[in-house]
Structures are given as C-alpha cells and as structure tokens.
Amino acid sequence: GFCSVEADIFLVAGKLLVGHDRGELKPQRTLKALYLDPLRERSRANNGSIYRGGPVFTLLIDIKSGGEATYRALAATLAEYPGLLSGTRAGKFTERAVAVIISGNRAKDIIAADDPRFAGIDGRLADLESTAPSHLLPLISDRWSSHFRWRGEGDFPEAERIKLHRIVRQAHARGRRVRFWATPEKEALWRELREAGVDLINTDDLPGLRAFLSP
C-alpha cells in the first residue's frame, strides 16, 4: 500500500544499475527491470494507476554516479515510458500514474532545460522560497538532523514543532510536498510528522510504519 519508493542508481557501461553502493550492483538489477517495467505493468492493470483509484505514485531516483552523464542516460530511459510518467512538454505539465523525482547528484540546470521532461528535482529547505514551478521542484527534502535536535524521545520542543509546521505551510503554499530523510524510527516522531502535514515519511521499517499508518 505504500505510494512512494526510492531507488539508488549508478551508470555503469551505459546501464542504470540499482544499489545503495557499488558493491551491490549486478548487471540484471537495472532500473527498468526492478522499477519501471513492473510499475508500467501495474498501471496497465489498474486503468492508469499504480493502485486502483489511488494517488500518483512517487518514484524517487537517487543518482549516485556523475550527475550529468547519469541524468542523460536516465532521461533517455524515462522517455520510453511516456504513458506512465508525469511530465512536461513545451512547458505544459501532464500528471500520470508515476511522478519521478531526482535526488542525489542532481544536474539541476540540465534537468530544468530538458523538453520533454519526465522528472522533477527534490529541493532542500533553502529552496522553500524558490520561484521554480512545482512540476520542476515538487518536493522539499532534507536531512532531519541538519535542522532539528529532537530524536523522538521525550517531549518535542515547542520551538521545533513551530518550525516544522512553518516549513510545511511554506512548502504547501508553493505546491510542493515535504520529506525528511534519516529520521529516527520512532512512532513519536512519525506522529509529529503526520500531524504537521509532512507528505512523505521516510523509513526503512516498512512493517512498523505500515502498522502506524493503518486505521
């Protein structure tokens, strides 16, 4: 039931391989085989959605190798899935089953100039006041510990709670979603994120977060 997932990619001999580090890479573990092809199959089976009647699915792609070369290879790959991926053509944005957002080594100027473009860029808190269109900068994504001292134990300091709610309001006012990464795996912290309106809760504890989010 999760509606977002992240894939780390490296460009190796012209292929986009998936793995958190180079030691995990295998020739058959490509972005197409593990993510794009299965997502396209699901979309076709569910009348244009990853979950029948569900929201747009977010595919975060964290570029681990050189930003420019990897993005050019990625852009060519994404262009093979025009019916699946949200994108812009001549400045006009069309929403489809999957929204790709690029993280990591972001060749921002090259991505912004691409037309057609089948991916957006994740921003940082420094981009809260950016005037970039939301289809280019759809997400504000930053490391939790770079901006907050609380680790989910004891009371959430009120000043930090106010700061969190302000960040979410600012991002939402410009049509952007919010995500923090490297967050402690604590229900107390998840609860504060949810109550503040943070859109994506980052976790490696999928069963724990699923139980927390389930009614």
Protein backbone atom coordinates (compact mmCIF):
# COMPACT_ATOMS: atom_id res chain seq x y z
CA GLY A 1 0.00 0.00 0.00
CA PHE A 2 2.95 2.40 0.04
CA CYS A 3 2.77 5.14 -2.56
CA SER A 4 6.44 6.13 -2.81
CA VAL A 5 9.75 4.30 -3.10
CA GLU A 6 13.37 5.30 -3.64
CA ALA A 7 15.88 3.69 -6.00
CA ASP A 8 19.62 4.45 -5.87
CA ILE A 9 21.23 4.25 -9.30
CA PHE A 10 24.69 4.16 -10.85
CA LEU A 11 25.52 4.49 -14.54
CA VAL A 12 27.73 1.51 -15.43
CA ALA A 13 28.70 0.73 -19.02
CA GLY A 14 25.62 2.51 -20.32
CA LYS A 15 23.21 0.75 -17.92
CA LEU A 16 21.36 2.24 -14.97
CA LEU A 17 22.01 -0.24 -12.17
CA VAL A 18 20.29 -0.19 -8.79
CA GLY A 19 22.13 -0.47 -5.49
CA HIS A 20 22.93 1.57 -2.41
CA ASP A 21 26.64 1.27 -3.15
CA ARG A 22 28.72 -0.12 -5.99
CA GLY A 23 29.31 -3.41 -4.20
CA GLU A 24 25.61 -4.25 -4.54
CA LEU A 25 25.43 -3.74 -8.30
CA LYS A 26 24.55 -6.63 -10.59
CA PRO A 27 24.00 -6.48 -14.37
CA GLN A 28 20.42 -7.73 -14.14
CA ARG A 29 19.43 -5.25 -11.40
CA THR A 30 18.52 -2.40 -13.72
CA LEU A 31 16.14 0.47 -13.07
CA LYS A 32 13.92 -0.77 -15.88
CA ALA A 33 13.73 -4.36 -14.65
CA LEU A 34 13.22 -3.59 -10.96
CA TYR A 35 11.04 -0.48 -11.12
CA LEU A 36 9.92 0.98 -14.43
CA ASP A 37 8.68 -2.19 -16.13
CA PRO A 38 6.78 -3.50 -13.06
CA LEU A 39 5.22 -0.07 -12.49
CA ARG A 40 4.08 0.08 -16.11
CA GLU A 41 2.52 -3.37 -15.79
CA ARG A 42 0.66 -2.30 -12.64
CA SER A 43 -0.55 0.89 -14.30
CA ARG A 44 -1.91 -1.01 -17.27
CA ALA A 45 -3.67 -3.49 -14.98
CA ASN A 46 -5.22 -0.72 -12.85
CA ASN A 47 -6.60 1.64 -15.51
CA GLY A 48 -3.72 4.09 -15.38
CA SER A 49 -2.95 3.97 -11.64
CA ILE A 50 -0.45 2.02 -9.58
CA TYR A 51 -3.24 1.39 -7.06
CA ARG A 52 -6.75 1.30 -8.49
CA GLY A 53 -8.30 4.62 -7.51
CA GLY A 54 -5.14 5.60 -5.63
CA PRO A 55 -2.91 8.67 -5.78
CA VAL A 56 0.04 9.34 -8.05
CA PHE A 57 2.93 7.06 -7.13
CA THR A 58 6.25 8.78 -6.34
CA LEU A 59 9.47 7.21 -7.62
CA LEU A 60 12.47 8.94 -6.06
CA ILE A 61 15.64 8.24 -8.03
CA ASP A 62 18.84 8.97 -6.12
CA ILE A 63 21.69 9.45 -8.60
CA LYS A 64 24.90 8.09 -7.08
CA SER A 65 27.24 8.40 -10.08
CA GLY A 66 28.13 11.51 -12.08
CA GLY A 67 25.09 13.77 -12.25
CA GLU A 68 25.20 14.96 -15.86
CA ALA A 69 26.06 11.67 -17.58
CA THR A 70 23.71 9.67 -15.40
CA TYR A 71 20.81 12.06 -15.93
CA ARG A 72 21.26 11.99 -19.71
CA ALA A 73 21.07 8.20 -19.65
CA LEU A 74 18.14 8.37 -17.24
CA ALA A 75 16.26 10.89 -19.40
CA ALA A 76 16.59 8.60 -22.42
CA THR A 77 15.28 5.69 -20.36
CA LEU A 78 12.35 7.64 -18.90
CA ALA A 79 11.36 8.77 -22.40
CA GLU A 80 10.50 5.12 -23.14
CA TYR A 81 7.59 5.36 -20.63
CA PRO A 82 5.62 8.43 -21.75
CA GLY A 83 2.25 6.89 -20.91
CA LEU A 84 3.35 6.06 -17.37
CA LEU A 85 5.27 9.10 -16.16
CA SER A 86 4.09 12.58 -15.31
CA GLY A 87 5.96 15.14 -17.37
CA THR A 88 6.16 18.44 -19.18
CA ARG A 89 6.23 19.19 -22.88
CA ALA A 90 6.63 22.76 -24.12
CA GLY A 91 6.02 23.92 -20.58
CA LYS A 92 2.71 22.08 -20.20
CA PHE A 93 2.56 19.60 -17.32
CA THR A 94 0.58 16.37 -17.55
CA GLU A 95 0.00 14.18 -14.50
CA ARG A 96 0.15 10.41 -14.96
CA ALA A 97 0.45 7.32 -12.76
CA VAL A 98 4.05 7.87 -11.61
CA ALA A 99 5.94 11.03 -10.66
CA VAL A 100 9.72 10.72 -10.86
CA ILE A 101 11.77 12.98 -8.58
CA ILE A 102 15.56 13.10 -8.86
CA SER A 103 17.71 13.21 -5.74
CA GLY A 104 21.41 12.88 -5.05
CA ASN A 105 23.71 14.21 -7.80
CA ARG A 106 21.19 16.49 -9.47
CA ALA A 107 22.25 18.16 -12.73
CA LYS A 108 19.71 20.87 -11.99
CA ASP A 109 20.28 23.17 -14.96
CA ILE A 110 20.26 20.30 -17.46
CA ILE A 111 17.11 18.81 -15.93
CA ALA A 112 15.34 22.18 -15.93
CA ALA A 113 16.17 22.75 -19.60
CA ASP A 114 15.02 19.33 -20.77
CA ASP A 115 11.98 19.21 -23.06
CA PRO A 116 10.16 16.94 -22.84
CA ARG A 117 10.99 16.26 -19.20
CA PHE A 118 9.77 13.25 -17.24
CA ALA A 119 11.27 14.11 -13.84
CA GLY A 120 11.34 16.81 -11.22
CA ILE A 121 14.08 17.71 -8.74
CA ASP A 122 13.96 17.41 -4.98
CA GLY A 123 14.82 20.66 -3.22
CA ARG A 124 16.28 21.49 0.17
CA LEU A 125 14.95 23.76 2.91
CA ALA A 126 16.98 26.53 1.30
CA ASP A 127 14.59 26.23 -1.67
CA LEU A 128 11.41 26.99 0.31
CA GLU A 129 11.13 30.41 -1.32
CA SER A 130 12.18 29.24 -4.79
CA THR A 131 10.04 30.54 -7.65
CA ALA A 132 10.62 27.39 -9.73
CA PRO A 133 7.35 25.79 -10.87
CA SER A 134 6.12 22.96 -8.69
CA HIS A 135 6.37 20.44 -11.54
CA LEU A 136 10.13 21.14 -11.69
CA LEU A 137 10.64 21.38 -7.90
CA PRO A 138 7.81 19.26 -6.49
CA LEU A 139 9.47 18.22 -3.22
CA ILE A 140 11.38 19.80 -0.34
CA SER A 141 13.58 17.03 1.03
CA ASP A 142 16.28 17.41 3.69
CA ARG A 143 18.14 15.60 6.45
CA TRP A 144 16.18 15.75 9.72
CA SER A 145 19.23 16.11 11.95
CA SER A 146 20.51 19.08 9.98
CA HIS A 147 17.55 21.15 11.15
CA PHE A 148 16.11 19.51 14.27
CA ARG A 149 17.72 18.32 17.50
CA TRP A 150 14.78 16.14 18.65
CA ARG A 151 15.20 12.40 18.04
CA GLY A 152 11.74 11.19 19.01
CA GLU A 153 12.41 10.72 22.73
CA GLY A 154 10.84 12.89 25.41
CA ASP A 155 8.81 15.95 24.51
CA PHE A 156 9.11 17.61 21.13
CA PRO A 157 10.43 21.12 21.89
CA GLU A 158 7.72 23.62 21.09
CA ALA A 159 10.07 25.85 19.11
CA GLU A 160 10.96 22.91 16.87
CA ARG A 161 7.29 21.97 16.46
CA ILE A 162 6.50 25.52 15.36
CA LYS A 163 9.43 25.41 12.93
CA LEU A 164 8.25 22.10 11.45
CA HIS A 165 4.70 23.37 10.91
CA ARG A 166 6.03 26.58 9.33
CA ILE A 167 8.19 24.60 6.87
CA VAL A 168 5.21 22.53 5.79
CA ARG A 169 2.98 25.60 5.35
CA GLN A 170 5.62 27.35 3.25
CA ALA A 171 6.16 24.34 1.02
CA HIS A 172 2.46 23.65 0.55
CA ALA A 173 1.80 27.28 -0.30
CA ARG A 174 4.02 26.83 -3.37
CA GLY A 175 2.55 23.46 -4.31
CA ARG A 176 5.46 21.40 -3.02
CA ARG A 177 5.46 18.34 -0.79
CA VAL A 178 7.76 17.79 2.19
CA ARG A 179 10.00 14.88 3.20
CA PHE A 180 12.77 14.47 5.77
CA TRP A 181 15.30 11.68 5.49
CA ALA A 182 17.48 9.94 8.09
CA THR A 183 14.65 10.34 10.59
CA PRO A 184 14.76 8.19 13.75
CA GLU A 185 12.46 5.17 13.52
CA LYS A 186 10.22 6.32 16.39
CA GLU A 187 6.43 6.42 16.48
CA ALA A 188 6.54 9.67 18.44
CA LEU A 189 8.44 11.32 15.61
CA TRP A 190 6.20 9.80 12.94
CA ARG A 191 3.20 11.20 14.84
CA GLU A 192 4.63 14.71 14.85
CA LEU A 193 5.45 14.49 11.14
CA ARG A 194 1.94 13.33 10.36
CA GLU A 195 0.27 15.97 12.50
CA ALA A 196 2.37 18.68 10.85
CA GLY A 197 1.24 17.55 7.40
CA VAL A 198 4.59 16.19 6.21
CA ASP A 199 3.71 14.39 2.99
CA LEU A 200 6.27 11.58 2.86
CA ILE A 201 7.55 9.80 5.96
CA ASN A 202 10.94 8.26 5.30
CA THR A 203 11.60 4.81 6.78
CA ASP A 204 13.47 1.55 6.48
CA ASP A 205 10.99 -0.04 8.93
CA LEU A 206 8.21 -0.72 6.43
CA PRO A 207 6.17 -3.08 8.66
CA GLY A 208 6.39 -0.66 11.59
CA LEU A 209 5.32 2.38 9.58
CA ARG A 210 2.55 0.42 7.88
CA ALA A 211 1.16 -0.59 11.27
CA PHE A 212 1.40 3.01 12.47
CA LEU A 213 -0.42 4.40 9.41
CA SER A 214 -3.09 1.70 9.25
CA PRO A 215 -6.50 2.64 10.70
